[in-house]
């Protein structure tokens, strides 16, 4: 299954949008919202709260903070 190039959600077959840049890079989008954020507004998925990449970064940050707190206690 294909994934959205911005939010990383699974795109169902027969839906979504494909954008091909002149240098040959292919971007797949699940919605116009994702297309606009990546291409027009040039937002980064890591800093956009509703993307899966942001959620992963946040989880990793919490795990890293917990490990640091445990080290400080010992």
N, C-alpha and C. Protein backbone atom coordinates (compact mmCIF):
# COMPACT_ATOMS: atom_id res chain seq x y z
N UNK A 1 0.84 -1.19 0.00
CA UNK A 1 0.00 0.00 0.00
C UNK A 1 0.88 1.25 0.00
N UNK A 2 0.41 2.24 -0.68
CA UNK A 2 1.14 3.50 -0.77
C UNK A 2 0.85 4.34 0.48
N UNK A 3 1.81 5.17 0.83
CA UNK A 3 1.65 6.07 1.98
C UNK A 3 1.79 7.51 1.51
N UNK A 4 1.07 8.39 2.19
CA UNK A 4 1.13 9.82 1.89
C UNK A 4 2.54 10.34 2.17
N UNK A 5 3.06 11.16 1.28
CA UNK A 5 4.41 11.69 1.43
C UNK A 5 4.52 12.68 2.58
N UNK A 6 3.40 13.23 3.03
CA UNK A 6 3.45 14.21 4.11
C UNK A 6 3.04 13.61 5.45
N UNK A 7 1.82 13.07 5.55
CA UNK A 7 1.32 12.62 6.85
C UNK A 7 1.58 11.14 7.11
N UNK A 8 1.99 10.38 6.12
CA UNK A 8 2.32 8.95 6.21
C UNK A 8 1.12 8.04 6.46
N UNK A 9 -0.10 8.53 6.18
CA UNK A 9 -1.28 7.67 6.28
C UNK A 9 -1.33 6.78 5.04
N UNK A 10 -1.94 5.61 5.19
CA UNK A 10 -2.10 4.68 4.07
C UNK A 10 -3.13 5.25 3.11
N UNK A 11 -2.81 5.25 1.81
CA UNK A 11 -3.72 5.74 0.79
C UNK A 11 -4.41 4.54 0.15
N UNK A 12 -5.72 4.55 0.17
CA UNK A 12 -6.47 3.46 -0.43
C UNK A 12 -6.30 3.50 -1.95
N UNK A 13 -6.35 2.31 -2.54
CA UNK A 13 -6.18 2.21 -3.98
C UNK A 13 -7.29 2.96 -4.71
N UNK A 14 -6.91 3.73 -5.70
CA UNK A 14 -7.88 4.49 -6.48
C UNK A 14 -8.16 5.87 -5.93
N UNK A 15 -7.51 6.25 -4.83
CA UNK A 15 -7.72 7.58 -4.26
C UNK A 15 -6.37 8.29 -4.17
N UNK A 16 -6.41 9.52 -3.75
CA UNK A 16 -5.18 10.27 -3.56
C UNK A 16 -4.74 11.01 -4.81
N UNK A 17 -3.55 11.58 -4.72
CA UNK A 17 -3.01 12.41 -5.80
C UNK A 17 -1.52 12.15 -5.93
N UNK A 18 -1.04 12.04 -7.17
CA UNK A 18 0.38 11.85 -7.43
C UNK A 18 0.94 13.14 -8.03
N UNK A 19 2.05 13.61 -7.49
CA UNK A 19 2.71 14.81 -8.00
C UNK A 19 4.14 14.43 -8.36
N UNK A 20 4.54 14.70 -9.60
CA UNK A 20 5.89 14.38 -10.06
C UNK A 20 6.62 15.68 -10.34
N UNK A 21 7.74 15.90 -9.65
CA UNK A 21 8.54 17.09 -9.86
C UNK A 21 9.37 16.94 -11.14
N UNK A 22 9.91 18.02 -11.64
CA UNK A 22 10.68 17.99 -12.88
C UNK A 22 11.97 17.20 -12.72
N UNK A 23 12.47 17.04 -11.49
CA UNK A 23 13.68 16.26 -11.27
C UNK A 23 13.39 14.76 -11.14
N UNK A 24 12.11 14.37 -11.24
CA UNK A 24 11.74 12.96 -11.23
C UNK A 24 11.25 12.43 -9.90
N UNK A 25 11.29 13.23 -8.83
CA UNK A 25 10.80 12.78 -7.53
C UNK A 25 9.28 12.67 -7.56
N UNK A 26 8.76 11.61 -6.97
CA UNK A 26 7.32 11.36 -6.96
C UNK A 26 6.80 11.54 -5.55
N UNK A 27 5.74 12.33 -5.42
CA UNK A 27 5.08 12.55 -4.14
C UNK A 27 3.65 12.02 -4.25
N UNK A 28 3.21 11.27 -3.27
CA UNK A 28 1.85 10.79 -3.19
C UNK A 28 1.15 11.49 -2.03
N UNK A 29 -0.07 11.96 -2.25
CA UNK A 29 -0.80 12.68 -1.22
C UNK A 29 -2.17 12.07 -1.02
N UNK A 30 -2.61 12.02 0.24
CA UNK A 30 -3.94 11.49 0.55
C UNK A 30 -5.01 12.57 0.43
N UNK A 31 -4.61 13.84 0.52
CA UNK A 31 -5.59 14.93 0.47
C UNK A 31 -4.94 16.21 -0.04
N UNK A 32 -5.77 17.17 -0.37
CA UNK A 32 -5.27 18.47 -0.79
C UNK A 32 -4.58 19.20 0.36
N UNK A 33 -5.01 18.89 1.58
CA UNK A 33 -4.40 19.48 2.77
C UNK A 33 -2.92 19.11 2.86
N UNK A 34 -2.62 17.84 2.65
CA UNK A 34 -1.23 17.38 2.72
C UNK A 34 -0.40 17.97 1.58
N UNK A 35 -1.00 18.02 0.39
CA UNK A 35 -0.30 18.59 -0.77
C UNK A 35 0.06 20.06 -0.52
N UNK A 36 -0.89 20.80 -0.02
CA UNK A 36 -0.68 22.23 0.24
C UNK A 36 0.40 22.44 1.29
N UNK A 37 0.38 21.66 2.37
CA UNK A 37 1.35 21.83 3.44
C UNK A 37 2.77 21.52 2.97
N UNK A 38 2.94 20.51 2.13
CA UNK A 38 4.28 20.12 1.70
C UNK A 38 4.79 21.00 0.57
N UNK A 39 3.98 21.21 -0.46
CA UNK A 39 4.47 21.89 -1.66
C UNK A 39 4.34 23.42 -1.60
N UNK A 40 3.19 23.91 -1.21
CA UNK A 40 2.95 25.36 -1.23
C UNK A 40 3.48 26.06 0.02
N UNK A 41 3.16 25.51 1.18
CA UNK A 41 3.55 26.15 2.44
C UNK A 41 4.93 25.71 2.92
N UNK A 42 5.44 24.62 2.36
CA UNK A 42 6.77 24.09 2.68
C UNK A 42 6.94 23.76 4.17
N UNK A 43 5.88 23.21 4.78
CA UNK A 43 5.95 22.79 6.17
C UNK A 43 6.70 21.47 6.28
N UNK A 44 7.28 21.22 7.43
CA UNK A 44 7.96 19.96 7.71
C UNK A 44 7.01 19.05 8.47
N UNK A 45 6.90 17.78 8.09
CA UNK A 45 6.00 16.86 8.80
C UNK A 45 6.35 16.71 10.28
N UNK A 46 7.61 16.85 10.64
CA UNK A 46 8.03 16.70 12.04
C UNK A 46 7.45 17.77 12.94
N UNK A 47 7.15 18.94 12.37
CA UNK A 47 6.67 20.05 13.19
C UNK A 47 5.17 20.28 13.06
N UNK A 48 4.49 19.47 12.24
CA UNK A 48 3.05 19.60 12.05
C UNK A 48 2.36 18.59 12.95
N UNK A 49 1.55 19.05 13.89
CA UNK A 49 1.05 18.22 14.98
C UNK A 49 0.17 17.06 14.55
N UNK A 50 -0.51 17.13 13.42
CA UNK A 50 -1.45 16.08 13.04
C UNK A 50 -0.82 14.98 12.18
N UNK A 51 0.49 14.96 12.01
CA UNK A 51 1.14 13.93 11.21
C UNK A 51 1.66 12.79 12.09
N UNK A 52 1.85 11.62 11.48
CA UNK A 52 2.38 10.48 12.22
C UNK A 52 3.83 10.70 12.61
N UNK A 53 4.57 11.41 11.78
CA UNK A 53 5.98 11.67 12.08
C UNK A 53 6.12 12.52 13.34
N UNK A 54 5.24 13.48 13.52
CA UNK A 54 5.26 14.31 14.73
C UNK A 54 4.99 13.44 15.96
N UNK A 55 4.02 12.53 15.84
CA UNK A 55 3.67 11.65 16.96
C UNK A 55 4.85 10.75 17.32
N UNK A 56 5.55 10.23 16.31
CA UNK A 56 6.72 9.39 16.57
C UNK A 56 7.82 10.18 17.27
N UNK A 57 8.08 11.38 16.80
CA UNK A 57 9.11 12.23 17.41
C UNK A 57 8.74 12.52 18.87
N UNK A 58 7.47 12.80 19.10
CA UNK A 58 7.01 13.11 20.45
C UNK A 58 7.20 11.90 21.38
N UNK A 59 6.84 10.69 20.87
CA UNK A 59 7.01 9.47 21.66
C UNK A 59 8.48 9.22 21.96
N UNK A 60 9.35 9.41 20.97
CA UNK A 60 10.77 9.19 21.17
C UNK A 60 11.33 10.21 22.15
N UNK A 61 10.83 11.43 22.10
CA UNK A 61 11.27 12.45 23.03
C UNK A 61 10.88 12.11 24.46
N UNK A 62 9.68 11.57 24.65
CA UNK A 62 9.24 11.17 25.99
C UNK A 62 10.08 10.02 26.50
N UNK A 63 10.39 9.06 25.61
CA UNK A 63 11.20 7.90 26.01
C UNK A 63 12.60 8.36 26.39
N UNK A 64 13.15 9.30 25.64
CA UNK A 64 14.47 9.83 25.95
C UNK A 64 14.47 10.61 27.25
N UNK A 65 13.39 11.36 27.50
CA UNK A 65 13.29 12.14 28.74
C UNK A 65 13.16 11.21 29.94
N UNK A 66 12.41 10.11 29.79
CA UNK A 66 12.27 9.15 30.89
C UNK A 66 13.61 8.53 31.22
N UNK A 67 14.38 8.18 30.20
CA UNK A 67 15.69 7.57 30.42
C UNK A 67 16.63 8.55 31.13
N UNK A 68 16.58 9.81 30.75
CA UNK A 68 17.41 10.83 31.40
C UNK A 68 17.01 11.02 32.86
N UNK A 69 15.70 11.03 33.13
CA UNK A 69 15.22 11.18 34.51
C UNK A 69 15.64 10.00 35.37
N UNK A 70 15.60 8.80 34.83
CA UNK A 70 16.03 7.63 35.59
C UNK A 70 17.51 7.68 35.89
N UNK A 71 18.30 8.17 34.95
CA UNK A 71 19.74 8.30 35.17
C UNK A 71 20.04 9.32 36.25
N UNK A 72 19.28 10.40 36.29
CA UNK A 72 19.48 11.44 37.29
C UNK A 72 19.14 10.94 38.69
N UNK A 73 18.10 10.09 38.79
CA UNK A 73 17.68 9.56 40.08
C UNK A 73 18.74 8.63 40.69
N UNK A 74 19.42 7.89 39.81
CA UNK A 74 20.41 6.93 40.28
C UNK A 74 21.69 7.60 40.60
